[in-house]
Amino acid sequence: MLTPGSTVGTIRAGYAPAVHPPWHPTKDVVEMLPLYHETHFTFRFADDRIIPRFHLEGVEIGRRVSVFRLDPVTGGRRTLIASATTGEGGWVDLAEPIMVRAGEGFVAVPEEGM
């Protein structure tokens, strides 16, 4: 039985634990179900920046990434400004740094899995 202060599992952003009643045979197993998954990464900046590289959490090495300028009004993608490949640890090193002004940003879109 759940009591105040007890936990069933850890909740991560975008995931919800499956909670079973105490009599359920798998009550000790915590299942994580993805609720929503973005296929892109959005970067916004409050100050002017020069970006020579950026990190994409969970993207494997060798994955191609397209980088688009972010429309500051709609938040949508504008023009393609760079293409690169993820390196070790999900880091993307750009051939030429991206220059962004305060309030601007970019969207990084990894290619779908092969």
Protein backbone atom coordinates (compact mmCIF):
# COMPACT_ATOMS: atom_id res chain seq x y z
CA MET A 1 0.00 0.00 0.00
CA LEU A 2 1.24 3.49 -0.77
CA THR A 3 1.62 5.70 2.25
CA PRO A 4 2.43 9.40 2.43
CA GLY A 5 6.08 9.86 1.56
CA SER A 6 6.45 6.49 -0.20
CA THR A 7 7.49 6.34 -3.83
CA VAL A 8 6.74 3.94 -6.64
CA GLY A 9 9.53 5.03 -8.97
CA THR A 10 11.40 7.95 -10.38
CA ILE A 11 9.61 10.19 -12.85
CA ARG A 12 11.71 11.66 -15.65
CA ALA A 13 10.56 14.42 -17.96
CA GLY A 14 8.32 12.94 -20.64
CA TYR A 15 7.72 9.67 -18.77
CA ALA A 16 5.08 8.48 -16.33
CA PRO A 17 5.42 5.43 -14.08
CA ALA A 18 2.95 2.59 -14.35
CA VAL A 19 1.53 2.20 -10.83
CA HIS A 20 0.12 -1.18 -9.82
CA PRO A 21 -1.99 -1.95 -6.74
CA PRO A 22 -0.21 -3.79 -3.90
CA TRP A 23 -1.70 -7.15 -4.85
CA HIS A 24 -0.50 -6.96 -8.47
CA PRO A 25 2.18 -9.61 -9.31
CA THR A 26 4.54 -7.02 -10.82
CA LYS A 27 4.05 -4.33 -8.19
CA ASP A 28 7.83 -4.10 -7.62
CA VAL A 29 8.52 -3.45 -11.31
CA VAL A 30 8.42 0.17 -12.41
CA GLU A 31 7.59 0.62 -16.09
CA MET A 32 8.29 3.88 -17.88
CA LEU A 33 6.03 4.80 -20.76
CA PRO A 34 7.03 7.66 -23.08
CA LEU A 35 4.26 10.25 -23.23
CA TYR A 36 5.79 12.48 -25.89
CA HIS A 37 9.08 12.63 -27.77
CA GLU A 38 10.40 15.61 -29.73
CA THR A 39 12.33 14.75 -32.87
CA HIS A 40 14.37 17.97 -32.70
CA PHE A 41 16.35 20.10 -30.24
CA THR A 42 15.62 23.82 -29.85
CA PHE A 43 18.28 26.27 -28.63
CA ARG A 44 17.30 29.84 -27.64
CA PHE A 45 19.63 32.51 -26.30
CA ALA A 46 19.09 35.58 -24.11
CA ASP A 47 22.46 37.09 -25.12
CA ASP A 48 24.50 37.34 -28.32
CA ARG A 49 26.54 34.15 -28.77
CA ILE A 50 28.97 32.46 -31.11
CA ILE A 51 28.29 28.71 -31.07
CA PRO A 52 31.14 26.49 -32.34
CA ARG A 53 29.59 23.27 -30.95
CA PHE A 54 26.56 22.01 -29.06
CA HIS A 55 25.40 18.86 -27.28
CA LEU A 56 22.48 16.60 -28.23
CA GLU A 57 21.56 14.33 -25.32
CA GLY A 58 20.84 10.75 -26.38
CA VAL A 59 21.89 11.08 -30.04
CA GLU A 60 24.38 8.40 -31.02
CA ILE A 61 27.72 9.02 -32.68
CA GLY A 62 27.68 9.35 -36.48
CA ARG A 63 24.09 10.63 -36.80
CA ARG A 64 23.68 13.45 -39.37
CA VAL A 65 22.16 16.65 -37.99
CA SER A 66 20.56 19.53 -39.91
CA VAL A 67 20.62 22.93 -38.20
CA PHE A 68 17.96 25.53 -39.02
CA ARG A 69 17.67 29.15 -37.94
CA LEU A 70 14.76 29.59 -35.51
CA ASP A 71 11.99 32.06 -36.35
CA PRO A 72 11.84 34.25 -33.20
CA VAL A 73 8.13 35.01 -33.69
CA THR A 74 6.64 31.62 -34.59
CA GLY A 75 9.32 29.34 -33.15
CA GLY A 76 9.36 27.43 -36.45
CA ARG A 77 12.28 26.47 -38.64
CA ARG A 78 13.61 28.98 -41.15
CA THR A 79 16.64 28.46 -43.39
CA LEU A 80 19.13 25.62 -43.20
CA ILE A 81 22.35 27.11 -41.77
CA ALA A 82 24.53 24.04 -41.20
CA SER A 83 24.83 20.27 -41.48
CA ALA A 84 27.07 18.21 -39.25
CA THR A 85 27.55 14.78 -37.69
CA THR A 86 27.34 13.94 -34.00
CA GLY A 87 30.61 13.00 -32.42
CA GLU A 88 31.55 11.24 -29.21
CA GLY A 89 29.09 11.82 -26.37
CA GLY A 90 26.52 13.52 -28.61
CA TRP A 91 28.65 16.61 -29.31
CA VAL A 92 28.19 18.34 -32.65
CA ASP A 93 31.23 20.31 -33.87
CA LEU A 94 30.33 22.82 -36.57
CA ALA A 95 32.56 23.58 -39.58
CA GLU A 96 31.76 27.28 -39.04
CA PRO A 97 30.39 28.68 -35.77
CA ILE A 98 26.76 29.84 -35.66
CA MET A 99 26.31 33.47 -34.66
CA VAL A 100 23.06 34.23 -32.83
CA ARG A 101 21.75 37.50 -31.45
CA ALA A 102 19.83 37.94 -28.21
CA GLY A 103 16.34 36.45 -28.60
CA GLU A 104 17.35 34.25 -31.54
CA GLY A 105 18.13 30.56 -31.71
CA PHE A 106 18.38 27.47 -33.84
CA VAL A 107 16.82 24.03 -34.21
CA ALA A 108 18.95 20.88 -34.56
CA VAL A 109 17.20 17.97 -36.30
CA PRO A 110 18.92 14.57 -36.23
CA GLU A 111 18.17 12.31 -39.22
CA GLU A 112 15.84 9.40 -38.51
CA GLY A 113 17.44 6.09 -37.51
CA MET A 114 18.77 3.82 -40.20
